[in-house]
PDB file of N, CA and C in Angstrom:
ATOM      1  N   MET A   1      52.299  18.547 -69.226  1.00  0.00           N
ATOM      2  CA  MET A   1      53.602  18.759 -68.754  1.00  0.00           C
ATOM      3  C   MET A   1      54.602  18.140 -69.725  1.00  0.00           C
ATOM      4  N   THR A   2      55.650  18.839 -69.998  1.00  0.00           N
ATOM      5  CA  THR A   2      56.684  18.302 -70.913  1.00  0.00           C
ATOM      6  C   THR A   2      57.930  18.107 -70.133  1.00  0.00           C
ATOM      7  N   LEU A   3      58.524  16.943 -70.246  1.00  0.00           N
ATOM      8  CA  LEU A   3      59.777  16.630 -69.572  1.00  0.00           C
ATOM      9  C   LEU A   3      60.794  16.297 -70.624  1.00  0.00           C
ATOM     10  N   LYS A   4      61.989  16.661 -70.403  1.00  0.00           N
ATOM     11  CA  LYS A   4      63.117  16.162 -71.234  1.00  0.00           C
ATOM     12  C   LYS A   4      64.028  15.282 -70.482  1.00  0.00           C
ATOM     13  N   PRO A   5      64.529  14.222 -71.103  1.00  0.00           N
ATOM     14  CA  PRO A   5      65.414  13.317 -70.423  1.00  0.00           C
ATOM     15  C   PRO A   5      66.594  14.038 -69.782  1.00  0.00           C
ATOM     16  N   SER A   6      66.950  13.656 -68.610  1.00  0.00           N
ATOM     17  CA  SER A   6      68.116  14.265 -67.924  1.00  0.00           C
ATOM     18  C   SER A   6      69.214  13.214 -67.715  1.00  0.00           C
ATOM     19  N   GLY A   7      69.288  12.254 -68.646  1.00  0.00           N
ATOM     20  CA  GLY A   7      70.346  11.266 -68.570  1.00  0.00           C
ATOM     21  C   GLY A   7      69.981  10.043 -67.716  1.00  0.00           C
ATOM     22  N   GLY A   8      70.797   9.046 -67.704  1.00  0.00           N
ATOM     23  CA  GLY A   8      70.464   7.857 -66.978  1.00  0.00           C
ATOM     24  C   GLY A   8      70.994   7.808 -65.564  1.00  0.00           C
ATOM     25  N   ASN A   9      71.708   8.797 -65.107  1.00  0.00           N
ATOM     26  CA  ASN A   9      72.291   8.780 -63.756  1.00  0.00           C
ATOM     27  C   ASN A   9      71.230   9.238 -62.765  1.00  0.00           C
ATOM     28  N   ILE A  10      70.788   8.349 -61.906  1.00  0.00           N
ATOM     29  CA  ILE A  10      69.683   8.603 -61.006  1.00  0.00           C
ATOM     30  C   ILE A  10      70.084   9.678 -59.953  1.00  0.00           C
ATOM     31  N   THR A  11      71.346   9.831 -59.654  1.00  0.00           N
ATOM     32  CA  THR A  11      71.760  10.826 -58.659  1.00  0.00           C
ATOM     33  C   THR A  11      71.760  12.234 -59.241  1.00  0.00           C
ATOM     34  N   GLU A  12      71.698  12.386 -60.535  1.00  0.00           N
ATOM     35  CA  GLU A  12      71.707  13.690 -61.195  1.00  0.00           C
ATOM     36  C   GLU A  12      70.443  13.990 -61.880  1.00  0.00           C
ATOM     37  N   LEU A  13      69.297  13.492 -61.462  1.00  0.00           N
ATOM     38  CA  LEU A  13      68.033  13.704 -62.020  1.00  0.00           C
ATOM     39  C   LEU A  13      67.556  15.158 -61.733  1.00  0.00           C
ATOM     40  N   GLU A  14      66.874  15.692 -62.734  1.00  0.00           N
ATOM     41  CA  GLU A  14      66.207  16.948 -62.547  1.00  0.00           C
ATOM     42  C   GLU A  14      64.750  16.708 -62.172  1.00  0.00           C
ATOM     43  N   TRP A  15      64.400  16.872 -60.923  1.00  0.00           N
ATOM     44  CA  TRP A  15      63.075  16.623 -60.428  1.00  0.00           C
ATOM     45  C   TRP A  15      62.256  17.902 -60.606  1.00  0.00           C
ATOM     46  N   ILE A  16      61.043  17.762 -61.122  1.00  0.00           N
ATOM     47  CA  ILE A  16      60.111  18.850 -61.356  1.00  0.00           C
ATOM     48  C   ILE A  16      58.939  18.667 -60.448  1.00  0.00           C
ATOM     49  N   LYS A  17      58.713  19.684 -59.575  1.00  0.00           N
ATOM     50  CA  LYS A  17      57.588  19.605 -58.638  1.00  0.00           C
ATOM     51  C   LYS A  17      56.283  20.009 -59.306  1.00  0.00           C
ATOM     52  N   SER A  18      55.238  19.348 -58.893  1.00  0.00           N
ATOM     53  CA  SER A  18      53.899  19.616 -59.416  1.00  0.00           C
ATOM     54  C   SER A  18      53.527  21.088 -59.228  1.00  0.00           C
ATOM     55  N   SER A  19      52.886  21.624 -60.261  1.00  0.00           N
ATOM     56  CA  SER A  19      52.443  23.057 -60.208  1.00  0.00           C
ATOM     57  C   SER A  19      51.373  23.214 -59.135  1.00  0.00           C
ATOM     58  N   TYR A  20      50.796  22.182 -58.655  1.00  0.00           N
ATOM     59  CA  TYR A  20      49.789  22.271 -57.584  1.00  0.00           C
ATOM     60  C   TYR A  20      50.417  22.351 -56.202  1.00  0.00           C
ATOM     61  N   SER A  21      51.691  22.159 -56.090  1.00  0.00           N
ATOM     62  CA  SER A  21      52.427  22.257 -54.801  1.00  0.00           C
ATOM     63  C   SER A  21      52.981  23.619 -54.664  1.00  0.00           C
ATOM     64  N   THR A  22      52.711  24.302 -53.518  1.00  0.00           N
ATOM     65  CA  THR A  22      53.143  25.658 -53.291  1.00  0.00           C
ATOM     66  C   THR A  22      53.974  25.709 -51.989  1.00  0.00           C
ATOM     67  N   ALA A  23      54.671  26.769 -51.805  1.00  0.00           N
ATOM     68  CA  ALA A  23      55.412  26.961 -50.597  1.00  0.00           C
ATOM     69  C   ALA A  23      54.573  27.012 -49.304  1.00  0.00           C
ATOM     70  N   ASP A  24      53.349  27.495 -49.529  1.00  0.00           N
ATOM     71  CA  ASP A  24      52.450  27.718 -48.360  1.00  0.00           C
ATOM     72  C   ASP A  24      51.493  26.511 -48.164  1.00  0.00           C
ATOM     73  N   GLY A  25      51.437  25.685 -49.173  1.00  0.00           N
ATOM     74  CA  GLY A  25      50.443  24.578 -49.136  1.00  0.00           C
ATOM     75  C   GLY A  25      51.107  23.217 -48.879  1.00  0.00           C
ATOM     76  N   PRO A  26      50.357  22.230 -49.110  1.00  0.00           N
ATOM     77  CA  PRO A  26      50.874  20.862 -48.867  1.00  0.00           C
ATOM     78  C   PRO A  26      51.869  20.533 -50.000  1.00  0.00           C
ATOM     79  N   SER A  27      52.792  19.638 -49.617  1.00  0.00           N
ATOM     80  CA  SER A  27      53.715  19.178 -50.578  1.00  0.00           C
ATOM     81  C   SER A  27      53.017  18.191 -51.569  1.00  0.00           C
ATOM     82  N   CYS A  28      53.616  17.919 -52.644  1.00  0.00           N
ATOM     83  CA  CYS A  28      52.924  17.144 -53.689  1.00  0.00           C
ATOM     84  C   CYS A  28      53.921  16.137 -54.294  1.00  0.00           C
ATOM     85  N   VAL A  29      53.744  15.901 -55.516  1.00  0.00           N
ATOM     86  CA  VAL A  29      54.656  14.881 -56.186  1.00  0.00           C
ATOM     87  C   VAL A  29      55.650  15.621 -57.065  1.00  0.00           C
ATOM     88  N   GLU A  30      56.726  14.924 -57.330  1.00  0.00           N
ATOM     89  CA  GLU A  30      57.781  15.412 -58.281  1.00  0.00           C
ATOM     90  C   GLU A  30      58.033  14.339 -59.289  1.00  0.00           C
ATOM     91  N   VAL A  31      58.379  14.720 -60.472  1.00  0.00           N
ATOM     92  CA  VAL A  31      58.668  13.786 -61.553  1.00  0.00           C
ATOM     93  C   VAL A  31      59.999  14.074 -62.192  1.00  0.00           C
ATOM     94  N   ALA A  32      60.618  13.076 -62.758  1.00  0.00           N
ATOM     95  CA  ALA A  32      61.883  13.208 -63.432  1.00  0.00           C
ATOM     96  C   ALA A  32      61.867  12.243 -64.593  1.00  0.00           C
ATOM     97  N   ALA A  33      62.503  12.644 -65.683  1.00  0.00           N
ATOM     98  CA  ALA A  33      62.536  11.764 -66.873  1.00  0.00           C
ATOM     99  C   ALA A  33      63.924  11.181 -67.121  1.00  0.00           C
ATOM    100  N   VAL A  34      64.012   9.905 -67.439  1.00  0.00           N
ATOM    101  CA  VAL A  34      65.195   9.285 -67.862  1.00  0.00           C
ATOM    102  C   VAL A  34      64.880   8.581 -69.172  1.00  0.00           C
ATOM    103  N   PRO A  35      65.791   8.213 -69.968  1.00  0.00           N
ATOM    104  CA  PRO A  35      65.451   7.527 -71.201  1.00  0.00           C
ATOM    105  C   PRO A  35      64.495   6.344 -70.894  1.00  0.00           C
ATOM    106  N   ASP A  36      63.401   6.323 -71.542  1.00  0.00           N
ATOM    107  CA  ASP A  36      62.453   5.200 -71.506  1.00  0.00           C
ATOM    108  C   ASP A  36      61.612   5.114 -70.275  1.00  0.00           C
ATOM    109  N   HIS A  37      61.759   6.015 -69.254  1.00  0.00           N
ATOM    110  CA  HIS A  37      60.964   5.967 -68.048  1.00  0.00           C
ATOM    111  C   HIS A  37      60.639   7.361 -67.484  1.00  0.00           C
ATOM    112  N   ILE A  38      59.593   7.404 -66.693  1.00  0.00           N
ATOM    113  CA  ILE A  38      59.258   8.633 -65.933  1.00  0.00           C
ATOM    114  C   ILE A  38      59.287   8.147 -64.468  1.00  0.00           C
ATOM    115  N   LEU A  39      59.991   8.863 -63.594  1.00  0.00           N
ATOM    116  CA  LEU A  39      60.052   8.569 -62.143  1.00  0.00           C
ATOM    117  C   LEU A  39      59.140   9.540 -61.464  1.00  0.00           C
ATOM    118  N   VAL A  40      58.468   9.013 -60.406  1.00  0.00           N
ATOM    119  CA  VAL A  40      57.535   9.836 -59.635  1.00  0.00           C
ATOM    120  C   VAL A  40      57.895   9.585 -58.140  1.00  0.00           C
ATOM    121  N   ARG A  41      58.003  10.674 -57.370  1.00  0.00           N
ATOM    122  CA  ARG A  41      58.277  10.557 -55.931  1.00  0.00           C
ATOM    123  C   ARG A  41      57.451  11.598 -55.155  1.00  0.00           C
ATOM    124  N   ASP A  42      57.351  11.346 -53.821  1.00  0.00           N
ATOM    125  CA  ASP A  42      56.678  12.224 -52.946  1.00  0.00           C
ATOM    126  C   ASP A  42      57.662  13.364 -52.538  1.00  0.00           C
ATOM    127  N   SER A  43      57.277  14.594 -52.802  1.00  0.00           N
ATOM    128  CA  SER A  43      58.227  15.696 -52.474  1.00  0.00           C
ATOM    129  C   SER A  43      58.550  15.818 -51.015  1.00  0.00           C
ATOM    130  N   LYS A  44      57.628  15.285 -50.106  1.00  0.00           N
ATOM    131  CA  LYS A  44      57.910  15.350 -48.706  1.00  0.00           C
ATOM    132  C   LYS A  44      58.944  14.311 -48.289  1.00  0.00           C
ATOM    133  N   ASN A  45      59.171  13.279 -49.120  1.00  0.00           N
ATOM    134  CA  ASN A  45      60.112  12.225 -48.805  1.00  0.00           C
ATOM    135  C   ASN A  45      60.952  11.910 -50.021  1.00  0.00           C
ATOM    136  N   PRO A  46      61.881  12.868 -50.431  1.00  0.00           N
ATOM    137  CA  PRO A  46      62.610  12.686 -51.698  1.00  0.00           C
ATOM    138  C   PRO A  46      63.486  11.444 -51.744  1.00  0.00           C
ATOM    139  N   SER A  47      63.903  10.915 -50.563  1.00  0.00           N
ATOM    140  CA  SER A  47      64.771   9.779 -50.612  1.00  0.00           C
ATOM    141  C   SER A  47      63.945   8.490 -50.460  1.00  0.00           C
ATOM    142  N   GLY A  48      62.676   8.590 -50.421  1.00  0.00           N
ATOM    143  CA  GLY A  48      61.752   7.455 -50.217  1.00  0.00           C
ATOM    144  C   GLY A  48      61.522   6.758 -51.574  1.00  0.00           C
ATOM    145  N   PRO A  49      60.536   5.833 -51.528  1.00  0.00           N
ATOM    146  CA  PRO A  49      60.325   5.029 -52.745  1.00  0.00           C
ATOM    147  C   PRO A  49      59.799   5.889 -53.904  1.00  0.00           C
ATOM    148  N   ARG A  50      60.083   5.345 -55.149  1.00  0.00           N
ATOM    149  CA  ARG A  50      59.736   6.029 -56.378  1.00  0.00           C
ATOM    150  C   ARG A  50      58.933   5.038 -57.264  1.00  0.00           C
ATOM    151  N   LEU A  51      58.016   5.621 -57.944  1.00  0.00           N
ATOM    152  CA  LEU A  51      57.307   4.855 -58.980  1.00  0.00           C
ATOM    153  C   LEU A  51      58.099   5.014 -60.268  1.00  0.00           C
ATOM    154  N   ILE A  52      58.184   3.944 -61.043  1.00  0.00           N
ATOM    155  CA  ILE A  52      58.862   3.989 -62.310  1.00  0.00           C
ATOM    156  C   ILE A  52      57.788   3.646 -63.393  1.00  0.00           C
ATOM    157  N   LEU A  53      57.469   4.587 -64.269  1.00  0.00           N
ATOM    158  CA  LEU A  53      56.436   4.401 -65.271  1.00  0.00           C
ATOM    159  C   LEU A  53      57.028   4.469 -66.666  1.00  0.00           C
ATOM    160  N   THR A  54      56.441   3.721 -67.583  1.00  0.00           N
ATOM    161  CA  THR A  54      56.787   3.876 -69.000  1.00  0.00           C
ATOM    162  C   THR A  54      56.199   5.167 -69.545  1.00  0.00           C
ATOM    163  N   PRO A  55      56.713   5.680 -70.568  1.00  0.00           N
ATOM    164  CA  PRO A  55      56.075   6.913 -71.150  1.00  0.00           C
ATOM    165  C   PRO A  55      54.617   6.662 -71.531  1.00  0.00           C
ATOM    166  N   THR A  56      54.282   5.501 -71.998  1.00  0.00           N
ATOM    167  CA  THR A  56      52.894   5.241 -72.383  1.00  0.00           C
ATOM    168  C   THR A  56      51.951   5.261 -71.180  1.00  0.00           C
ATOM    169  N   THR A  57      52.424   4.635 -70.062  1.00  0.00           N
ATOM    170  CA  THR A  57      51.608   4.640 -68.833  1.00  0.00           C
ATOM    171  C   THR A  57      51.516   6.048 -68.269  1.00  0.00           C
ATOM    172  N   TRP A  58      52.585   6.813 -68.308  1.00  0.00           N
ATOM    173  CA  TRP A  58      52.552   8.222 -67.832  1.00  0.00           C
ATOM    174  C   TRP A  58      51.554   9.024 -68.643  1.00  0.00           C
ATOM    175  N   ALA A  59      51.615   8.933 -69.980  1.00  0.00           N
ATOM    176  CA  ALA A  59      50.712   9.658 -70.835  1.00  0.00           C
ATOM    177  C   ALA A  59      49.231   9.266 -70.579  1.00  0.00           C
ATOM    178  N   THR A  60      48.999   8.000 -70.288  1.00  0.00           N
ATOM    179  CA  THR A  60      47.654   7.570 -69.952  1.00  0.00           C
ATOM    180  C   THR A  60      47.192   8.116 -68.597  1.00  0.00           C
ATOM    181  N   PHE A  61      48.098   8.211 -67.640  1.00  0.00           N
ATOM    182  CA  PHE A  61      47.782   8.668 -66.316  1.00  0.00           C
ATOM    183  C   PHE A  61      47.536  10.151 -66.227  1.00  0.00           C
ATOM    184  N   LEU A  62      48.242  10.990 -67.038  1.00  0.00           N
ATOM    185  CA  LEU A  62      48.157  12.488 -66.910  1.00  0.00           C
ATOM    186  C   LEU A  62      46.796  13.054 -66.989  1.00  0.00           C
ATOM    187  N   PRO A  63      45.895  12.625 -67.869  1.00  0.00           N
ATOM    188  CA  PRO A  63      44.548  13.262 -67.903  1.00  0.00           C
ATOM    189  C   PRO A  63      43.815  13.025 -66.615  1.00  0.00           C
ATOM    190  N   TYR A  64      44.024  11.913 -65.896  1.00  0.00           N
ATOM    191  CA  TYR A  64      43.340  11.626 -64.658  1.00  0.00           C
ATOM    192  C   TYR A  64      43.912  12.539 -63.546  1.00  0.00           C
ATOM    193  N   ALA A  65      45.229  12.759 -63.594  1.00  0.00           N
ATOM    194  CA  ALA A  65      45.922  13.550 -62.562  1.00  0.00           C
ATOM    195  C   ALA A  65      45.562  15.021 -62.676  1.00  0.00           C
ATOM    196  N   SER A  66      45.314  15.461 -63.833  1.00  0.00           N
ATOM    197  CA  SER A  66      44.986  16.904 -64.038  1.00  0.00           C
ATOM    198  C   SER A  66      43.513  17.223 -63.931  1.00  0.00           C
ATOM    199  N   GLY A  67      42.693  16.161 -63.746  1.00  0.00           N
ATOM    200  CA  GLY A  67      41.260  16.388 -63.586  1.00  0.00           C
ATOM    201  C   GLY A  67      40.543  16.666 -64.927  1.00  0.00           C
ATOM    202  N   HIS A  68      41.137  16.343 -65.985  1.00  0.00           N
ATOM    203  CA  HIS A  68      40.485  16.576 -67.315  1.00  0.00           C
ATOM    204  C   HIS A  68      40.024  15.229 -67.865  1.00  0.00           C
TER     205      HIS A  68
END
């Protein structure tokens, strides 16, 4: 997955929903990029808590999330 930074304003983030989440199936996670961090949230609870990851941590996590 490639993300481009959408600025530092958290209210104007461009959230990208996981490709594993469908309209007919269960909700999943969404991610947004800001300079120096990747934000992760539950798409069922968009105003809930968010994980904040460094790009290095995100890159390390992705192979495990995609099952590869």
